[in-house]
N, C-alpha and C. Protein backbone atom coordinates (compact mmCIF):
# COMPACT_ATOMS: atom_id res chain seq x y z
N UNK A 1 44.72 2.78 -59.81
CA UNK A 1 43.82 3.64 -59.07
C UNK A 1 43.59 4.91 -59.87
N UNK A 2 42.39 5.46 -59.75
CA UNK A 2 42.09 6.75 -60.35
C UNK A 2 41.06 7.46 -59.48
N UNK A 3 41.12 8.77 -59.48
CA UNK A 3 40.14 9.55 -58.75
C UNK A 3 38.80 9.47 -59.47
N UNK A 4 37.69 9.51 -58.71
CA UNK A 4 36.39 9.45 -59.36
C UNK A 4 35.37 10.44 -58.80
N UNK A 5 35.79 11.24 -57.79
CA UNK A 5 34.83 12.15 -57.17
C UNK A 5 35.53 13.34 -56.54
N UNK A 6 34.97 14.53 -56.76
CA UNK A 6 35.35 15.74 -56.04
C UNK A 6 34.05 16.38 -55.57
N UNK A 7 34.00 16.71 -54.29
CA UNK A 7 32.84 17.40 -53.73
C UNK A 7 33.30 18.76 -53.22
N UNK A 8 32.65 19.79 -53.69
CA UNK A 8 32.94 21.16 -53.27
C UNK A 8 31.80 21.60 -52.35
N UNK A 9 32.14 21.98 -51.14
CA UNK A 9 31.15 22.51 -50.19
C UNK A 9 31.25 24.02 -50.20
N UNK A 10 30.13 24.69 -50.42
CA UNK A 10 30.15 26.15 -50.58
C UNK A 10 28.88 26.79 -50.06
N UNK A 11 29.00 28.06 -49.70
CA UNK A 11 27.82 28.87 -49.35
C UNK A 11 27.30 29.59 -50.59
N UNK A 12 28.01 29.43 -51.71
CA UNK A 12 27.65 30.11 -52.97
C UNK A 12 27.29 29.08 -54.04
N UNK A 13 26.27 28.29 -53.74
CA UNK A 13 25.88 27.18 -54.62
C UNK A 13 25.63 27.62 -56.06
N UNK A 14 24.77 28.59 -56.25
CA UNK A 14 24.39 28.98 -57.61
C UNK A 14 25.55 29.62 -58.36
N UNK A 15 26.34 30.43 -57.65
CA UNK A 15 27.48 31.07 -58.29
C UNK A 15 28.51 30.03 -58.72
N UNK A 16 28.76 29.04 -57.86
CA UNK A 16 29.72 27.98 -58.21
C UNK A 16 29.18 27.12 -59.35
N UNK A 17 27.89 26.80 -59.31
CA UNK A 17 27.31 26.01 -60.40
C UNK A 17 27.48 26.74 -61.73
N UNK A 18 27.19 28.04 -61.75
CA UNK A 18 27.32 28.81 -62.98
C UNK A 18 28.77 28.88 -63.44
N UNK A 19 29.70 29.07 -62.52
CA UNK A 19 31.12 29.15 -62.88
C UNK A 19 31.60 27.86 -63.51
N UNK A 20 31.35 26.73 -62.83
CA UNK A 20 31.83 25.44 -63.36
C UNK A 20 31.06 25.03 -64.62
N UNK A 21 29.81 25.43 -64.72
CA UNK A 21 29.05 25.17 -65.95
C UNK A 21 29.65 25.95 -67.12
N UNK A 22 30.21 27.14 -66.85
CA UNK A 22 30.82 27.92 -67.92
C UNK A 22 32.08 27.24 -68.46
N UNK A 23 32.61 26.27 -67.71
CA UNK A 23 33.77 25.49 -68.17
C UNK A 23 33.34 24.22 -68.90
N UNK A 24 32.03 24.02 -69.02
CA UNK A 24 31.54 22.88 -69.77
C UNK A 24 30.95 21.75 -68.93
N UNK A 25 30.97 21.88 -67.60
CA UNK A 25 30.37 20.84 -66.78
C UNK A 25 28.85 20.97 -66.85
N UNK A 26 28.17 19.86 -67.06
CA UNK A 26 26.71 19.86 -67.16
C UNK A 26 26.14 19.29 -65.88
N UNK A 27 25.61 20.19 -65.04
CA UNK A 27 25.10 19.79 -63.73
C UNK A 27 23.63 19.44 -63.79
N UNK A 28 23.24 18.54 -62.92
CA UNK A 28 21.82 18.27 -62.69
C UNK A 28 21.59 18.35 -61.19
N UNK A 29 20.41 18.79 -60.83
CA UNK A 29 20.05 18.89 -59.42
C UNK A 29 19.77 17.48 -58.89
N UNK A 30 20.25 17.21 -57.67
CA UNK A 30 20.04 15.91 -57.04
C UNK A 30 19.70 16.09 -55.58
N UNK A 31 19.12 15.06 -55.02
CA UNK A 31 18.89 14.97 -53.58
C UNK A 31 18.73 13.50 -53.26
N UNK A 32 19.50 13.02 -52.30
CA UNK A 32 19.45 11.61 -51.92
C UNK A 32 18.79 11.49 -50.55
N UNK A 33 17.62 10.90 -50.50
CA UNK A 33 16.92 10.71 -49.23
C UNK A 33 16.70 12.03 -48.53
N UNK A 34 17.11 12.09 -47.27
CA UNK A 34 16.95 13.31 -46.47
C UNK A 34 18.15 14.26 -46.61
N UNK A 35 19.09 13.93 -47.50
CA UNK A 35 20.27 14.77 -47.70
C UNK A 35 19.92 16.09 -48.33
N UNK A 36 20.87 17.01 -48.37
CA UNK A 36 20.60 18.33 -48.93
C UNK A 36 20.54 18.30 -50.46
N UNK A 37 19.77 19.20 -51.03
CA UNK A 37 19.81 19.36 -52.49
C UNK A 37 21.22 19.79 -52.89
N UNK A 38 21.69 19.29 -54.02
CA UNK A 38 23.03 19.62 -54.50
C UNK A 38 23.06 19.45 -56.01
N UNK A 39 24.22 19.73 -56.60
CA UNK A 39 24.40 19.57 -58.03
C UNK A 39 25.47 18.52 -58.31
N UNK A 40 25.30 17.77 -59.39
CA UNK A 40 26.29 16.77 -59.79
C UNK A 40 26.49 16.83 -61.29
N UNK A 41 27.76 16.71 -61.69
CA UNK A 41 28.13 16.62 -63.10
C UNK A 41 28.98 15.37 -63.26
N UNK A 42 28.62 14.54 -64.23
CA UNK A 42 29.37 13.32 -64.51
C UNK A 42 30.13 13.52 -65.81
N UNK A 43 31.45 13.44 -65.74
CA UNK A 43 32.28 13.60 -66.93
C UNK A 43 32.30 12.30 -67.73
N UNK A 44 32.80 12.35 -68.93
CA UNK A 44 32.79 11.22 -69.85
C UNK A 44 33.43 9.96 -69.32
N UNK A 45 34.44 10.10 -68.45
CA UNK A 45 35.12 8.92 -67.91
C UNK A 45 34.52 8.46 -66.59
N UNK A 46 33.37 9.04 -66.21
CA UNK A 46 32.72 8.65 -64.97
C UNK A 46 33.12 9.47 -63.76
N UNK A 47 34.06 10.39 -63.91
CA UNK A 47 34.48 11.26 -62.81
C UNK A 47 33.32 12.18 -62.46
N UNK A 48 33.02 12.33 -61.18
CA UNK A 48 31.88 13.12 -60.73
C UNK A 48 32.36 14.36 -59.98
N UNK A 49 31.79 15.50 -60.33
CA UNK A 49 32.03 16.75 -59.61
C UNK A 49 30.69 17.13 -58.99
N UNK A 50 30.68 17.31 -57.66
CA UNK A 50 29.45 17.69 -56.97
C UNK A 50 29.66 19.01 -56.24
N UNK A 51 28.58 19.77 -56.16
CA UNK A 51 28.56 21.02 -55.41
C UNK A 51 27.48 20.88 -54.34
N UNK A 52 27.92 20.95 -53.09
CA UNK A 52 27.03 20.79 -51.94
C UNK A 52 26.98 22.07 -51.13
N UNK A 53 25.84 22.32 -50.46
CA UNK A 53 25.80 23.48 -49.57
C UNK A 53 26.68 23.23 -48.35
N UNK A 54 27.45 24.27 -47.98
CA UNK A 54 28.26 24.17 -46.76
C UNK A 54 27.31 24.30 -45.57
N UNK A 55 27.43 23.39 -44.63
CA UNK A 55 26.59 23.43 -43.44
C UNK A 55 27.50 23.36 -42.22
N UNK A 56 27.16 24.14 -41.21
CA UNK A 56 27.93 24.09 -39.98
C UNK A 56 29.39 24.47 -40.16
N UNK A 57 29.67 25.45 -41.02
CA UNK A 57 31.04 25.87 -41.24
C UNK A 57 31.86 24.92 -42.08
N UNK A 58 31.23 23.95 -42.69
CA UNK A 58 31.93 22.94 -43.48
C UNK A 58 32.05 23.40 -44.92
N UNK A 59 33.04 24.28 -45.16
CA UNK A 59 33.30 24.77 -46.51
C UNK A 59 34.60 24.17 -47.02
N UNK A 60 34.65 23.94 -48.31
CA UNK A 60 35.89 23.48 -48.92
C UNK A 60 36.82 24.69 -48.96
N UNK A 61 37.95 24.58 -48.31
CA UNK A 61 38.90 25.69 -48.25
C UNK A 61 39.79 25.72 -49.47
N UNK A 62 41.03 26.08 -49.24
CA UNK A 62 42.00 26.19 -50.33
C UNK A 62 42.08 24.87 -51.08
N UNK A 63 41.93 24.96 -52.37
CA UNK A 63 41.92 23.79 -53.23
C UNK A 63 42.28 24.26 -54.62
N UNK A 64 43.01 23.45 -55.34
CA UNK A 64 43.31 23.78 -56.74
C UNK A 64 42.81 22.63 -57.59
N UNK A 65 41.93 22.94 -58.52
CA UNK A 65 41.38 21.96 -59.43
C UNK A 65 41.93 22.22 -60.82
N UNK A 66 41.95 21.20 -61.65
CA UNK A 66 42.39 21.37 -63.02
C UNK A 66 41.46 20.65 -63.97
N UNK A 67 41.15 21.30 -65.08
CA UNK A 67 40.30 20.72 -66.11
C UNK A 67 40.92 20.96 -67.48
N UNK A 68 40.80 19.99 -68.35
CA UNK A 68 41.17 20.16 -69.75
C UNK A 68 39.88 20.17 -70.54
N UNK A 69 39.69 21.22 -71.33
CA UNK A 69 38.44 21.38 -72.07
C UNK A 69 38.74 21.67 -73.53
N UNK A 70 37.76 21.45 -74.38
CA UNK A 70 37.92 21.69 -75.80
C UNK A 70 36.96 22.78 -76.25
N UNK A 71 37.52 23.78 -76.92
CA UNK A 71 36.72 24.79 -77.61
C UNK A 71 35.69 25.53 -76.80
N UNK A 72 36.10 26.22 -75.74
CA UNK A 72 35.16 27.05 -75.01
C UNK A 72 35.16 28.45 -75.63
N UNK A 73 34.00 28.94 -76.07
CA UNK A 73 33.96 30.23 -76.77
C UNK A 73 34.41 31.41 -75.91
N UNK A 74 34.20 31.36 -74.60
CA UNK A 74 34.55 32.49 -73.74
C UNK A 74 35.98 32.41 -73.20
N UNK A 75 36.73 31.39 -73.57
CA UNK A 75 38.09 31.22 -73.06
C UNK A 75 39.04 30.94 -74.23
N UNK A 76 40.11 31.72 -74.35
CA UNK A 76 41.06 31.50 -75.45
C UNK A 76 41.84 30.21 -75.23
N UNK A 77 42.35 29.60 -76.31
CA UNK A 77 43.18 28.39 -76.16
C UNK A 77 44.39 28.66 -75.28
N UNK A 78 44.82 27.63 -74.58
CA UNK A 78 45.98 27.73 -73.70
C UNK A 78 45.61 27.47 -72.26
N UNK A 79 46.57 27.73 -71.39
CA UNK A 79 46.42 27.49 -69.95
C UNK A 79 46.04 28.79 -69.26
N UNK A 80 45.04 28.69 -68.39
CA UNK A 80 44.60 29.82 -67.60
C UNK A 80 44.37 29.36 -66.17
N UNK A 81 44.61 30.22 -65.23
CA UNK A 81 44.23 29.93 -63.85
C UNK A 81 43.15 30.94 -63.48
N UNK A 82 41.96 30.41 -63.21
CA UNK A 82 40.81 31.24 -62.86
C UNK A 82 40.52 31.06 -61.38
N UNK A 83 39.72 31.94 -60.82
CA UNK A 83 39.26 31.79 -59.45
C UNK A 83 37.77 31.55 -59.46
N UNK A 84 37.34 30.51 -58.73
CA UNK A 84 35.90 30.27 -58.64
C UNK A 84 35.29 31.27 -57.66
N UNK A 85 33.96 31.30 -57.50
CA UNK A 85 33.33 32.30 -56.64
C UNK A 85 33.81 32.30 -55.19
N UNK A 86 34.38 31.19 -54.72
CA UNK A 86 34.92 31.12 -53.36
C UNK A 86 36.41 31.42 -53.31
N UNK A 87 37.02 31.73 -54.46
CA UNK A 87 38.43 32.06 -54.49
C UNK A 87 39.37 30.88 -54.67
N UNK A 88 38.83 29.69 -55.00
CA UNK A 88 39.67 28.53 -55.26
C UNK A 88 40.29 28.64 -56.65
N UNK A 89 41.56 28.26 -56.77
CA UNK A 89 42.24 28.30 -58.07
C UNK A 89 41.75 27.13 -58.93
N UNK A 90 41.40 27.43 -60.17
CA UNK A 90 40.96 26.42 -61.12
C UNK A 90 41.81 26.60 -62.38
N UNK A 91 42.66 25.59 -62.62
CA UNK A 91 43.52 25.62 -63.79
C UNK A 91 42.76 25.02 -64.97
N UNK A 92 42.70 25.79 -66.05
CA UNK A 92 41.94 25.36 -67.22
C UNK A 92 42.88 25.32 -68.42
N UNK A 93 42.95 24.16 -69.05
CA UNK A 93 43.71 23.99 -70.29
C UNK A 93 42.69 23.91 -71.41
N UNK A 94 42.62 24.97 -72.20
CA UNK A 94 41.64 25.03 -73.28
C UNK A 94 42.33 24.58 -74.58
N UNK A 95 41.79 23.53 -75.17
CA UNK A 95 42.26 23.04 -76.46
C UNK A 95 41.41 23.71 -77.54
N UNK A 96 42.05 24.09 -78.64
CA UNK A 96 41.34 24.78 -79.73
C UNK A 96 40.41 23.88 -80.50
């Protein structure tokens, strides 16, 4: 078994998209049928990260995510714990 999807529900769509994009996720805008517009990023192994608008108080609360990335110019090599725009902890392992 392996995980293949994380959906983040937020009232700060653009801020979250920009934050996670700064970690190297490449989002595209999507909309399925009558569903809400949202963003999706598909990683190399098929793992999908989506950012959806929170509706009716449906926000993703406390959550800790982790990503391993290679060569991000704005982040020094090593382990960092950052906070996304909603205050969720995001552990980033930057490889040189």
